[in-house]
Amino acid sequence: MARGIYEDDDGKDQNHTFCAIGHERGNDFFFSIVECVTPILVLQEHTSDDCEHRQNEFAHNYGTRTQMHVLNKTMMAKRYKHILWVGSYMVFECIAATESKHAYISYGAGSYHTYSGESIYLLMHLLAALLCL
């Protein structure tokens, strides 16, 4: 189980518990995220309208007692943005600067995002010193 943060429809961070499964494939490492509270299917639909159409099909065919929510990877990348731990290591993500924001360090890493494939390991006392600057 993992504790993370998702962004709600109003753009506010909300705490959330979900299952994060780590997979190693050679030198690569990736996560699968399993929703534990709300039944969400992450499908290959291209647009939000396509997702809504598929969601309505599920409701029509299977009823609305347990509504299936349908999202695509782009939508999930915006909502589920923090995996806080990998084993015994805390995870931080460097967010690049944009035209309107400075670069910053975020506690956690985004699921459904591709990273450079390189990890930097910091000693905890060094990290604590950096956070106090």
N, C-alpha and C. Protein backbone atom coordinates (compact mmCIF):
# COMPACT_ATOMS: atom_id res chain seq x y z
N MET A 1 0.85 -1.18 0.00
CA MET A 1 0.00 0.00 0.00
C MET A 1 0.89 1.23 0.00
N ALA A 2 0.40 2.28 -0.62
CA ALA A 2 1.15 3.53 -0.69
C ALA A 2 0.23 4.68 -0.34
N ARG A 3 0.81 5.74 0.12
CA ARG A 3 0.06 6.96 0.42
C ARG A 3 0.53 8.00 -0.58
N GLY A 4 -0.39 8.61 -1.25
CA GLY A 4 0.00 9.56 -2.28
C GLY A 4 -0.92 10.75 -2.29
N ILE A 5 -0.74 11.58 -3.28
CA ILE A 5 -1.53 12.78 -3.45
C ILE A 5 -2.08 12.79 -4.86
N TYR A 6 -3.35 13.11 -4.99
CA TYR A 6 -3.91 13.29 -6.31
C TYR A 6 -4.49 14.69 -6.41
N GLU A 7 -4.65 15.16 -7.61
CA GLU A 7 -5.20 16.49 -7.83
C GLU A 7 -6.67 16.36 -8.19
N ASP A 8 -7.53 16.99 -7.40
CA ASP A 8 -8.97 16.89 -7.66
C ASP A 8 -9.39 17.81 -8.81
N ASP A 9 -10.67 17.81 -9.12
CA ASP A 9 -11.17 18.59 -10.25
C ASP A 9 -11.01 20.10 -10.05
N ASP A 10 -10.82 20.54 -8.80
CA ASP A 10 -10.61 21.96 -8.52
C ASP A 10 -9.14 22.32 -8.48
N GLY A 11 -8.25 21.34 -8.80
CA GLY A 11 -6.81 21.60 -8.81
C GLY A 11 -6.17 21.56 -7.43
N LYS A 12 -6.88 21.03 -6.43
CA LYS A 12 -6.34 20.96 -5.06
C LYS A 12 -5.79 19.56 -4.80
N ASP A 13 -4.68 19.50 -4.03
CA ASP A 13 -4.09 18.22 -3.66
C ASP A 13 -4.96 17.53 -2.61
N GLN A 14 -5.18 16.24 -2.78
CA GLN A 14 -5.94 15.43 -1.83
C GLN A 14 -5.11 14.19 -1.50
N ASN A 15 -5.03 13.84 -0.21
CA ASN A 15 -4.34 12.62 0.18
C ASN A 15 -5.14 11.41 -0.27
N HIS A 16 -4.44 10.33 -0.57
CA HIS A 16 -5.11 9.15 -1.09
C HIS A 16 -4.27 7.92 -0.81
N THR A 17 -4.92 6.80 -0.54
CA THR A 17 -4.23 5.53 -0.35
C THR A 17 -4.53 4.63 -1.53
N PHE A 18 -3.49 3.99 -2.05
CA PHE A 18 -3.64 3.11 -3.20
C PHE A 18 -2.56 2.04 -3.12
N CYS A 19 -2.61 1.10 -4.01
CA CYS A 19 -1.61 0.04 -4.06
C CYS A 19 -0.61 0.37 -5.16
N ALA A 20 0.67 0.39 -4.83
CA ALA A 20 1.73 0.63 -5.82
C ALA A 20 2.57 -0.64 -5.93
N ILE A 21 2.64 -1.20 -7.11
CA ILE A 21 3.41 -2.42 -7.34
C ILE A 21 4.62 -2.06 -8.18
N GLY A 22 5.82 -2.32 -7.64
CA GLY A 22 7.05 -2.02 -8.36
C GLY A 22 7.47 -3.21 -9.21
N HIS A 23 7.89 -2.94 -10.43
CA HIS A 23 8.34 -3.99 -11.36
C HIS A 23 9.76 -3.67 -11.81
N GLU A 24 10.63 -4.66 -11.77
CA GLU A 24 11.97 -4.51 -12.31
C GLU A 24 12.07 -5.31 -13.60
N ARG A 25 12.61 -4.66 -14.63
CA ARG A 25 12.84 -5.35 -15.90
C ARG A 25 14.24 -4.96 -16.35
N GLY A 26 15.22 -5.82 -16.06
CA GLY A 26 16.60 -5.48 -16.36
C GLY A 26 17.03 -4.29 -15.52
N ASN A 27 17.47 -3.22 -16.18
CA ASN A 27 17.86 -1.99 -15.48
C ASN A 27 16.68 -1.04 -15.29
N ASP A 28 15.52 -1.38 -15.82
CA ASP A 28 14.35 -0.52 -15.73
C ASP A 28 13.52 -0.85 -14.50
N PHE A 29 12.85 0.15 -13.98
CA PHE A 29 11.96 -0.01 -12.84
C PHE A 29 10.73 0.81 -13.11
N PHE A 30 9.54 0.23 -12.96
CA PHE A 30 8.32 0.99 -13.17
C PHE A 30 7.25 0.53 -12.19
N PHE A 31 6.20 1.34 -12.06
CA PHE A 31 5.12 1.08 -11.12
C PHE A 31 3.82 0.78 -11.85
N SER A 32 3.03 -0.08 -11.25
CA SER A 32 1.62 -0.20 -11.60
C SER A 32 0.85 0.34 -10.40
N ILE A 33 -0.17 1.14 -10.67
CA ILE A 33 -0.99 1.71 -9.61
C ILE A 33 -2.35 1.04 -9.65
N VAL A 34 -2.77 0.50 -8.51
CA VAL A 34 -4.06 -0.17 -8.42
C VAL A 34 -4.94 0.65 -7.49
N GLU A 35 -6.02 1.14 -8.01
CA GLU A 35 -6.97 1.95 -7.24
C GLU A 35 -7.69 1.05 -6.25
N CYS A 36 -7.77 1.49 -5.00
CA CYS A 36 -8.37 0.66 -3.94
C CYS A 36 -9.72 1.16 -3.48
N VAL A 37 -10.08 2.39 -3.79
CA VAL A 37 -11.29 2.97 -3.25
C VAL A 37 -12.36 3.13 -4.31
N THR A 38 -12.03 3.75 -5.41
CA THR A 38 -12.96 4.02 -6.48
C THR A 38 -12.65 3.12 -7.66
N PRO A 39 -13.65 2.48 -8.25
CA PRO A 39 -13.37 1.62 -9.40
C PRO A 39 -13.03 2.45 -10.64
N ILE A 40 -11.74 2.55 -10.92
CA ILE A 40 -11.26 3.32 -12.07
C ILE A 40 -10.59 2.38 -13.05
N LEU A 41 -10.99 2.45 -14.30
CA LEU A 41 -10.31 1.72 -15.36
C LEU A 41 -9.47 2.71 -16.15
N VAL A 42 -8.20 2.39 -16.34
CA VAL A 42 -7.32 3.23 -17.16
C VAL A 42 -7.24 2.54 -18.52
N LEU A 43 -7.91 3.13 -19.49
CA LEU A 43 -8.00 2.52 -20.81
C LEU A 43 -7.28 3.36 -21.85
N GLN A 44 -7.20 2.86 -23.05
CA GLN A 44 -6.48 3.53 -24.13
C GLN A 44 -7.36 4.53 -24.90
N GLU A 45 -8.42 5.01 -24.28
CA GLU A 45 -9.28 5.99 -24.94
C GLU A 45 -8.47 7.26 -25.20
N HIS A 46 -8.72 7.93 -26.32
CA HIS A 46 -7.89 9.08 -26.71
C HIS A 46 -8.29 10.38 -26.04
N THR A 47 -9.58 10.64 -25.89
CA THR A 47 -10.03 11.93 -25.36
C THR A 47 -10.89 11.71 -24.12
N SER A 48 -11.15 12.81 -23.41
CA SER A 48 -12.02 12.71 -22.25
C SER A 48 -13.45 12.37 -22.68
N ASP A 49 -13.86 12.83 -23.86
CA ASP A 49 -15.18 12.46 -24.38
C ASP A 49 -15.27 10.96 -24.64
N ASP A 50 -14.18 10.38 -25.18
CA ASP A 50 -14.14 8.93 -25.40
C ASP A 50 -14.26 8.19 -24.06
N CYS A 51 -13.56 8.70 -23.04
CA CYS A 51 -13.62 8.08 -21.71
C CYS A 51 -15.04 8.15 -21.15
N GLU A 52 -15.66 9.30 -21.30
CA GLU A 52 -17.03 9.47 -20.79
C GLU A 52 -18.00 8.55 -21.53
N HIS A 53 -17.81 8.43 -22.84
CA HIS A 53 -18.67 7.53 -23.64
C HIS A 53 -18.52 6.09 -23.15
N ARG A 54 -17.28 5.64 -22.94
CA ARG A 54 -17.03 4.26 -22.46
C ARG A 54 -17.61 4.08 -21.07
N GLN A 55 -17.48 5.09 -20.21
CA GLN A 55 -18.02 5.02 -18.86
C GLN A 55 -19.54 4.87 -18.91
N ASN A 56 -20.20 5.62 -19.79
CA ASN A 56 -21.65 5.52 -19.95
C ASN A 56 -22.07 4.15 -20.48
N GLU A 57 -21.26 3.58 -21.35
CA GLU A 57 -21.54 2.23 -21.85
C GLU A 57 -21.50 1.22 -20.71
N PHE A 58 -20.51 1.34 -19.82
CA PHE A 58 -20.45 0.45 -18.66
C PHE A 58 -21.69 0.61 -17.79
N ALA A 59 -22.09 1.85 -17.54
CA ALA A 59 -23.28 2.10 -16.72
C ALA A 59 -24.53 1.53 -17.37
N HIS A 60 -24.63 1.67 -18.69
CA HIS A 60 -25.79 1.15 -19.41
C HIS A 60 -25.82 -0.39 -19.38
N ASN A 61 -24.68 -1.01 -19.57
CA ASN A 61 -24.61 -2.48 -19.63
C ASN A 61 -24.61 -3.16 -18.27
N TYR A 62 -24.02 -2.51 -17.26
CA TYR A 62 -23.84 -3.18 -15.98
C TYR A 62 -24.56 -2.50 -14.83
N GLY A 63 -25.26 -1.42 -15.09
CA GLY A 63 -25.98 -0.73 -14.02
C GLY A 63 -25.10 0.29 -13.33
N THR A 64 -25.68 1.05 -12.44
CA THR A 64 -24.95 2.13 -11.79
C THR A 64 -24.70 1.88 -10.31
N ARG A 65 -24.93 0.67 -9.82
CA ARG A 65 -24.67 0.40 -8.41
C ARG A 65 -23.20 0.56 -8.08
N THR A 66 -22.34 0.07 -8.93
CA THR A 66 -20.89 0.28 -8.80
C THR A 66 -20.43 0.90 -10.10
N GLN A 67 -20.46 2.22 -10.14
CA GLN A 67 -20.12 2.90 -11.38
C GLN A 67 -18.63 2.76 -11.66
N MET A 68 -18.29 2.35 -12.88
CA MET A 68 -16.91 2.27 -13.31
C MET A 68 -16.52 3.62 -13.89
N HIS A 69 -15.46 4.21 -13.36
CA HIS A 69 -14.94 5.46 -13.90
C HIS A 69 -13.86 5.12 -14.91
N VAL A 70 -13.90 5.75 -16.06
CA VAL A 70 -12.93 5.48 -17.12
C VAL A 70 -12.07 6.71 -17.34
N LEU A 71 -10.74 6.52 -17.25
CA LEU A 71 -9.77 7.57 -17.50
C LEU A 71 -8.72 7.03 -18.46
N ASN A 72 -7.97 7.93 -19.09
CA ASN A 72 -6.84 7.48 -19.91
C ASN A 72 -5.54 7.85 -19.19
N LYS A 73 -4.40 7.47 -19.76
CA LYS A 73 -3.12 7.71 -19.08
C LYS A 73 -2.82 9.19 -18.91
N THR A 74 -3.22 10.01 -19.87
CA THR A 74 -2.99 11.45 -19.74
C THR A 74 -3.75 12.01 -18.55
N MET A 75 -4.99 11.59 -18.37
CA MET A 75 -5.79 12.05 -17.24
C MET A 75 -5.20 11.55 -15.92
N MET A 76 -4.75 10.29 -15.90
CA MET A 76 -4.17 9.73 -14.68
C MET A 76 -2.86 10.42 -14.32
N ALA A 77 -2.06 10.78 -15.33
CA ALA A 77 -0.79 11.46 -15.06
C ALA A 77 -1.02 12.79 -14.37
N LYS A 78 -2.12 13.44 -14.64
CA LYS A 78 -2.43 14.71 -13.99
C LYS A 78 -2.97 14.50 -12.58
N ARG A 79 -3.70 13.44 -12.36
CA ARG A 79 -4.35 13.22 -11.06
C ARG A 79 -3.45 12.53 -10.05
N TYR A 80 -2.77 11.45 -10.46
CA TYR A 80 -1.94 10.68 -9.54
C TYR A 80 -0.50 11.08 -9.75
N LYS A 81 -0.01 11.95 -8.87
CA LYS A 81 1.29 12.52 -9.15
C LYS A 81 2.37 12.23 -8.13
N HIS A 82 2.12 11.48 -7.07
CA HIS A 82 3.17 11.23 -6.10
C HIS A 82 3.22 9.78 -5.64
N ILE A 83 4.37 9.15 -5.83
CA ILE A 83 4.69 7.89 -5.16
C ILE A 83 5.79 8.26 -4.18
N LEU A 84 5.57 8.06 -2.91
CA LEU A 84 6.44 8.64 -1.91
C LEU A 84 7.65 7.80 -1.53
N TRP A 85 7.57 6.49 -1.69
CA TRP A 85 8.67 5.62 -1.26
C TRP A 85 8.96 4.57 -2.31
N VAL A 86 10.24 4.24 -2.45
CA VAL A 86 10.67 3.06 -3.20
C VAL A 86 11.50 2.25 -2.23
N GLY A 87 10.94 1.16 -1.71
CA GLY A 87 11.64 0.39 -0.68
C GLY A 87 11.89 1.27 0.52
N SER A 88 13.16 1.36 0.94
CA SER A 88 13.50 2.19 2.10
C SER A 88 13.92 3.60 1.70
N TYR A 89 13.80 3.94 0.42
CA TYR A 89 14.24 5.25 -0.06
C TYR A 89 13.07 6.22 -0.22
N MET A 90 13.27 7.45 0.23
CA MET A 90 12.30 8.51 -0.02
C MET A 90 12.50 8.96 -1.46
N VAL A 91 11.42 9.31 -2.14
CA VAL A 91 11.50 9.71 -3.54
C VAL A 91 11.19 11.19 -3.67
N PHE A 92 12.07 11.89 -4.38
CA PHE A 92 11.86 13.30 -4.70
C PHE A 92 11.94 13.45 -6.21
N GLU A 93 11.23 14.40 -6.74
CA GLU A 93 11.21 14.65 -8.18
C GLU A 93 11.61 16.10 -8.43
N CYS A 94 12.51 16.30 -9.36
CA CYS A 94 12.88 17.66 -9.74
C CYS A 94 11.92 18.11 -10.83
N ILE A 95 11.14 19.14 -10.55
CA ILE A 95 10.19 19.68 -11.51
C ILE A 95 10.88 20.81 -12.28
N ALA A 96 10.97 20.66 -13.57
CA ALA A 96 11.68 21.64 -14.39
C ALA A 96 10.95 22.98 -14.40
N ALA A 97 11.71 24.03 -14.62
CA ALA A 97 11.13 25.37 -14.70
C ALA A 97 10.28 25.50 -15.96
N THR A 98 9.25 26.32 -15.86
CA THR A 98 8.43 26.66 -17.02
C THR A 98 8.48 28.18 -17.18
N GLU A 99 7.76 28.69 -18.14
CA GLU A 99 7.75 30.14 -18.35
C GLU A 99 7.17 30.88 -17.15
N SER A 100 6.27 30.22 -16.41
CA SER A 100 5.60 30.92 -15.31
C SER A 100 6.03 30.43 -13.92
N LYS A 101 6.87 29.37 -13.83
CA LYS A 101 7.27 28.82 -12.52
C LYS A 101 8.76 28.52 -12.50
N HIS A 102 9.35 28.70 -11.31
CA HIS A 102 10.73 28.29 -11.11
C HIS A 102 10.79 26.77 -10.95
N ALA A 103 11.95 26.17 -11.17
CA ALA A 103 12.14 24.75 -10.91
C ALA A 103 12.03 24.51 -9.40
N TYR A 104 11.56 23.34 -9.00
CA TYR A 104 11.45 23.03 -7.59
C TYR A 104 11.53 21.52 -7.37
N ILE A 105 11.72 21.14 -6.12
CA ILE A 105 11.77 19.73 -5.74
C ILE A 105 10.43 19.36 -5.13
N SER A 106 9.85 18.28 -5.62
CA SER A 106 8.56 17.80 -5.13
C SER A 106 8.78 16.51 -4.35
N TYR A 107 8.09 16.35 -3.24
CA TYR A 107 8.18 15.12 -2.46
C TYR A 107 7.36 14.06 -3.17
N GLY A 108 8.02 13.11 -3.78
CA GLY A 108 7.35 12.04 -4.51
C GLY A 108 7.63 12.15 -6.00
N ALA A 109 7.18 11.17 -6.73
CA ALA A 109 7.37 11.13 -8.19
C ALA A 109 6.04 10.80 -8.83
N GLY A 110 5.85 11.29 -10.02
CA GLY A 110 4.59 11.08 -10.72
C GLY A 110 4.49 9.68 -11.30
N SER A 111 3.37 9.02 -11.04
CA SER A 111 3.10 7.78 -11.74
C SER A 111 2.60 8.14 -13.14
N TYR A 112 2.71 7.23 -14.07
CA TYR A 112 2.32 7.45 -15.46
C TYR A 112 3.21 8.49 -16.15
N HIS A 113 4.40 8.75 -15.61
CA HIS A 113 5.37 9.64 -16.26
C HIS A 113 6.63 8.86 -16.57
N THR A 114 7.34 9.25 -17.62
CA THR A 114 8.61 8.64 -17.97
C THR A 114 9.74 9.53 -17.47
N TYR A 115 10.70 8.95 -16.76
CA TYR A 115 11.83 9.70 -16.23
C TYR A 115 13.09 9.31 -16.99
N SER A 116 14.17 9.95 -16.67
CA SER A 116 15.42 9.75 -17.40
C SER A 116 16.01 8.36 -17.21
N GLY A 117 15.57 7.64 -16.21
CA GLY A 117 16.12 6.32 -15.95
C GLY A 117 17.29 6.35 -14.98
N GLU A 118 17.67 7.54 -14.51
CA GLU A 118 18.77 7.66 -13.57
C GLU A 118 18.21 8.04 -12.21
N SER A 119 18.77 7.43 -11.18
CA SER A 119 18.35 7.73 -9.81
C SER A 119 19.54 8.32 -9.06
N ILE A 120 19.26 9.23 -8.17
CA ILE A 120 20.28 9.82 -7.32
C ILE A 120 19.94 9.44 -5.89
N TYR A 121 20.90 8.82 -5.19
CA TYR A 121 20.69 8.42 -3.80
C TYR A 121 21.43 9.39 -2.89
N LEU A 122 20.72 9.97 -1.97
CA LEU A 122 21.32 10.90 -1.01
C LEU A 122 21.25 10.30 0.38
N LEU A 123 22.28 10.53 1.16
CA LEU A 123 22.24 10.12 2.56
C LEU A 123 21.20 10.97 3.28
N MET A 124 20.52 10.38 4.22
CA MET A 124 19.42 11.08 4.88
C MET A 124 19.89 12.35 5.58
N HIS A 125 21.08 12.33 6.24
CA HIS A 125 21.52 13.55 6.94
C HIS A 125 21.87 14.64 5.93
N LEU A 126 22.38 14.26 4.75
CA LEU A 126 22.65 15.24 3.71
C LEU A 126 21.33 15.83 3.20
N LEU A 127 20.35 14.97 3.01
CA LEU A 127 19.04 15.42 2.57
C LEU A 127 18.42 16.37 3.59
N ALA A 128 18.50 16.02 4.86
CA ALA A 128 17.95 16.86 5.91
C ALA A 128 18.64 18.24 5.91
N ALA A 129 19.96 18.25 5.69
CA ALA A 129 20.70 19.51 5.62
C ALA A 129 20.24 20.34 4.43
N LEU A 130 20.00 19.69 3.31
CA LEU A 130 19.55 20.41 2.13
C LEU A 130 18.16 21.01 2.33
N LEU A 131 17.30 20.28 3.02
CA LEU A 131 15.94 20.77 3.24
C LEU A 131 15.91 21.96 4.18
N CYS A 132 16.94 22.09 5.02
CA CYS A 132 16.99 23.20 5.96
C CYS A 132 17.54 24.47 5.34
N LEU A 133 18.06 24.40 4.13
CA LEU A 133 18.63 25.60 3.48
C LEU A 133 17.55 26.57 3.08
